[in-house]
Amino acid sequence: MRLFAAVVPPEDVSRELAVEVEELRRLPGADALRWTGRPGWHFTLAFYGEVDDELVPELTACLERVASRTGPFELALCGGGQFGHGRALWTGADGDLRTLRLLADRTEAAGRKAGVARGEHRRYKAHLTLARSRTGVDVRPYLEALGGFRSRAWTVGELALVRSNLPRSGVPGEQPRYEVVGRSPLGAAG
């Protein structure tokens, strides 16, 4: 199964973001972007890709240990950015980014310890993807609109193991389906 570790914003923060995204979708040219559905809003910490079923229990155990060694921390959604010259539009994070990066490093190490093959290591950049484009889109109006966006802060209290089910129907615009298959409370060892 295709898995990743993530931090998922609480429902009320997702509602705040949904209001902001609805405004972005009213901007000229918004139909050139494939907007990420609300169920897909998360901060990916470590992407594991296809994981053999027999490795999932060990990965889950490793992630539980990581979560128990990491205390709860504060985050908020904030601002916006892009990757790939308009190929991905995202909102960022504000708050305890040091702990978020530490959690990302630890979840990546947990995958290695569990025997999950990983690709190249990239420096972690906290982002929640809002939209993508196959070709570069001028996202400056969206970045300008996101410039003043900030959600309420929340306490991150758990680490999620998420399964990503890629679209198979061939229907244009179909979104991946995300299913949380494991939750580990932060700071449980304390």
Protein backbone atom coordinates (compact mmCIF):
# COMPACT_ATOMS: atom_id res chain seq x y z
CA MET A 1 0.00 0.00 0.00
CA ARG A 2 1.07 3.59 -0.68
CA LEU A 3 1.77 5.27 2.68
CA PHE A 4 3.06 8.47 4.23
CA ALA A 5 3.35 10.00 7.70
CA ALA A 6 1.50 13.28 8.20
CA VAL A 7 0.11 15.96 10.46
CA VAL A 8 -3.56 16.57 9.70
CA PRO A 9 -5.11 19.92 10.68
CA PRO A 10 -8.23 19.75 12.87
CA GLU A 11 -11.65 20.18 11.28
CA ASP A 12 -12.16 23.80 12.36
CA VAL A 13 -8.81 24.83 10.84
CA SER A 14 -9.72 22.97 7.63
CA ARG A 15 -12.98 24.94 7.55
CA GLU A 16 -11.01 28.22 7.79
CA LEU A 17 -8.80 27.07 4.93
CA ALA A 18 -11.84 26.02 2.89
CA VAL A 19 -13.18 29.58 3.07
CA GLU A 20 -9.81 30.91 1.84
CA VAL A 21 -9.60 28.34 -0.97
CA GLU A 22 -13.13 29.19 -2.11
CA GLU A 23 -11.95 32.80 -2.57
CA LEU A 24 -8.87 31.62 -4.48
CA ARG A 25 -11.04 29.54 -6.80
CA ARG A 26 -12.90 32.70 -7.79
CA LEU A 27 -9.75 34.34 -9.14
CA PRO A 28 -9.29 34.51 -12.92
CA GLY A 29 -7.61 31.42 -14.32
CA ALA A 30 -8.41 29.20 -11.31
CA ASP A 31 -9.84 26.55 -13.62
CA ALA A 32 -6.29 25.95 -14.96
CA LEU A 33 -5.40 24.44 -11.57
CA ARG A 34 -6.38 21.04 -10.16
CA TRP A 35 -7.50 21.90 -6.67
CA THR A 36 -6.74 19.49 -3.86
CA GLY A 37 -9.91 18.30 -2.17
CA ARG A 38 -10.35 18.99 1.51
CA PRO A 39 -9.76 15.33 2.48
CA GLY A 40 -6.26 15.71 0.98
CA TRP A 41 -5.17 18.58 3.22
CA HIS A 42 -2.23 17.50 5.36
CA PHE A 43 1.43 18.19 6.04
CA THR A 44 3.37 15.22 4.68
CA LEU A 45 6.27 14.44 7.00
CA ALA A 46 7.74 11.40 5.25
CA PHE A 47 6.54 9.75 2.04
CA TYR A 48 7.12 6.00 2.05
CA GLY A 49 5.59 5.08 -1.32
CA GLU A 50 4.54 1.47 -1.86
CA VAL A 51 5.06 -0.46 1.37
CA ASP A 52 4.80 -4.25 1.54
CA ASP A 53 1.95 -5.33 3.82
CA GLU A 54 4.34 -7.33 6.03
CA LEU A 55 6.34 -4.14 6.81
CA VAL A 56 3.32 -2.11 7.96
CA PRO A 57 3.24 -3.43 11.56
CA GLU A 58 6.93 -2.60 12.07
CA LEU A 59 6.50 0.83 10.46
CA THR A 60 3.50 1.48 12.71
CA ALA A 61 5.50 0.48 15.79
CA CYS A 62 8.40 2.71 14.77
CA LEU A 63 6.04 5.65 14.25
CA GLU A 64 4.44 5.04 17.64
CA ARG A 65 7.90 5.30 19.25
CA VAL A 66 8.62 8.50 17.30
CA ALA A 67 5.33 10.02 18.44
CA SER A 68 5.91 9.07 22.06
CA ARG A 69 9.31 10.85 21.99
CA THR A 70 7.88 14.03 20.45
CA GLY A 71 5.78 16.36 22.57
CA PRO A 72 2.68 18.19 21.34
CA PHE A 73 3.42 21.51 19.62
CA GLU A 74 1.65 24.54 18.19
CA LEU A 75 1.03 25.15 14.48
CA ALA A 76 -1.06 27.44 12.31
CA LEU A 77 -1.62 27.58 8.56
CA CYS A 78 -0.01 30.67 7.16
CA GLY A 79 0.67 32.42 3.85
CA GLY A 80 1.45 30.61 0.64
CA GLY A 81 4.11 29.51 -1.77
CA GLN A 82 4.79 27.53 -4.91
CA PHE A 83 6.96 24.74 -6.21
CA GLY A 84 8.03 24.24 -9.80
CA HIS A 85 7.17 27.67 -11.20
CA GLY A 86 3.45 27.36 -10.62
CA ARG A 87 3.13 23.57 -10.72
CA ALA A 88 2.11 23.41 -7.05
CA LEU A 89 0.41 26.06 -4.92
CA TRP A 90 0.51 25.61 -1.15
CA THR A 91 -0.11 27.21 2.21
CA GLY A 92 2.63 27.03 4.78
CA ALA A 93 2.94 26.65 8.51
CA ASP A 94 3.77 28.97 11.36
CA GLY A 95 4.46 28.10 14.96
CA ASP A 96 6.88 25.51 16.29
CA LEU A 97 8.50 24.68 12.93
CA ARG A 98 11.58 23.31 14.69
CA THR A 99 9.53 20.50 16.25
CA LEU A 100 7.67 19.93 12.98
CA ARG A 101 11.01 19.47 11.16
CA LEU A 102 12.25 17.21 13.95
CA LEU A 103 9.10 15.09 13.61
CA ALA A 104 9.64 14.92 9.84
CA ASP A 105 13.24 13.76 10.33
CA ARG A 106 12.16 11.18 12.89
CA THR A 107 9.37 9.79 10.68
CA GLU A 108 11.81 9.46 7.80
CA ALA A 109 14.25 7.60 10.07
CA ALA A 110 11.38 5.38 11.29
CA GLY A 111 10.74 4.30 7.71
CA ARG A 112 14.38 3.35 7.24
CA LYS A 113 14.41 1.45 10.54
CA ALA A 114 11.27 -0.45 9.50
CA GLY A 115 12.95 -1.47 6.24
CA VAL A 116 10.93 0.79 3.96
CA ALA A 117 12.98 1.67 0.88
CA ARG A 118 13.27 5.42 0.42
CA GLY A 119 14.32 7.63 -2.41
CA GLU A 120 16.52 10.66 -2.08
CA HIS A 121 16.42 12.77 1.08
CA ARG A 122 15.12 16.32 0.64
CA ARG A 123 15.23 19.13 3.13
CA TYR A 124 11.83 19.34 4.75
CA LYS A 125 9.62 22.28 3.72
CA ALA A 126 6.35 22.46 5.64
CA HIS A 127 3.52 22.89 3.15
CA LEU A 128 -0.06 21.83 2.59
CA THR A 129 -0.79 21.50 -1.13
CA LEU A 130 -3.81 23.45 -2.34
CA ALA A 131 -3.57 23.01 -6.13
CA ARG A 132 -1.40 21.58 -8.88
CA SER A 133 -0.88 22.17 -12.58
CA ARG A 134 0.73 19.98 -15.22
CA THR A 135 2.15 23.14 -16.79
CA GLY A 136 3.41 26.15 -14.94
CA VAL A 137 0.70 28.65 -14.04
CA ASP A 138 1.23 32.25 -12.96
CA VAL A 139 0.29 31.86 -9.29
CA ARG A 140 1.20 35.40 -8.25
CA PRO A 141 -2.45 36.44 -7.72
CA TYR A 142 -2.97 33.40 -5.47
CA LEU A 143 0.21 34.07 -3.52
CA GLU A 144 -0.85 37.68 -3.04
CA ALA A 145 -4.26 36.56 -1.77
CA LEU A 146 -2.66 33.98 0.57
CA GLY A 147 -0.20 36.56 1.88
CA GLY A 148 -2.59 37.70 4.60
CA PHE A 149 -3.98 34.26 5.43
CA ARG A 150 -3.41 32.81 8.87
CA SER A 151 -5.56 30.18 10.54
CA ARG A 152 -6.04 29.90 14.24
CA ALA A 153 -3.22 28.06 15.99
CA TRP A 154 -3.80 24.53 17.21
CA THR A 155 -1.88 22.00 19.25
CA VAL A 156 -0.65 19.11 17.13
CA GLY A 157 -1.36 16.11 19.30
CA GLU A 158 -0.96 13.14 16.98
CA LEU A 159 0.99 11.66 14.12
CA ALA A 160 -1.02 10.01 11.33
CA LEU A 161 -0.07 7.15 9.04
CA VAL A 162 -2.03 7.76 5.85
CA ARG A 163 -2.80 5.49 2.92
CA SER A 164 -3.04 7.17 -0.47
CA ASN A 165 -5.29 5.50 -3.04
CA LEU A 166 -4.47 6.91 -6.46
CA PRO A 167 -7.26 7.53 -8.99
CA ARG A 168 -7.82 4.68 -11.41
CA SER A 169 -10.97 5.68 -13.27
CA GLY A 170 -9.26 7.97 -15.77
CA VAL A 171 -11.87 10.65 -15.05
CA PRO A 172 -10.21 14.08 -15.40
CA GLY A 173 -9.86 15.85 -12.07
CA GLU A 174 -10.40 12.73 -9.95
CA GLN A 175 -8.57 13.12 -6.66
CA PRO A 176 -6.58 10.54 -4.71
CA ARG A 177 -8.45 9.14 -1.71
CA TYR A 178 -6.72 9.38 1.65
CA GLU A 179 -7.38 7.03 4.53
CA VAL A 180 -5.80 7.41 7.97
CA VAL A 181 -4.73 3.86 8.87
CA GLY A 182 -2.92 4.70 12.11
CA ARG A 183 -2.85 7.46 14.71
CA SER A 184 -0.18 7.82 17.37
CA PRO A 185 -0.52 10.39 20.18
CA LEU A 186 2.42 12.73 20.64
CA GLY A 187 4.24 12.67 23.95
CA ALA A 188 2.65 9.43 25.15
CA ALA A 189 5.92 8.35 26.81
CA GLY A 190 5.99 11.49 29.00
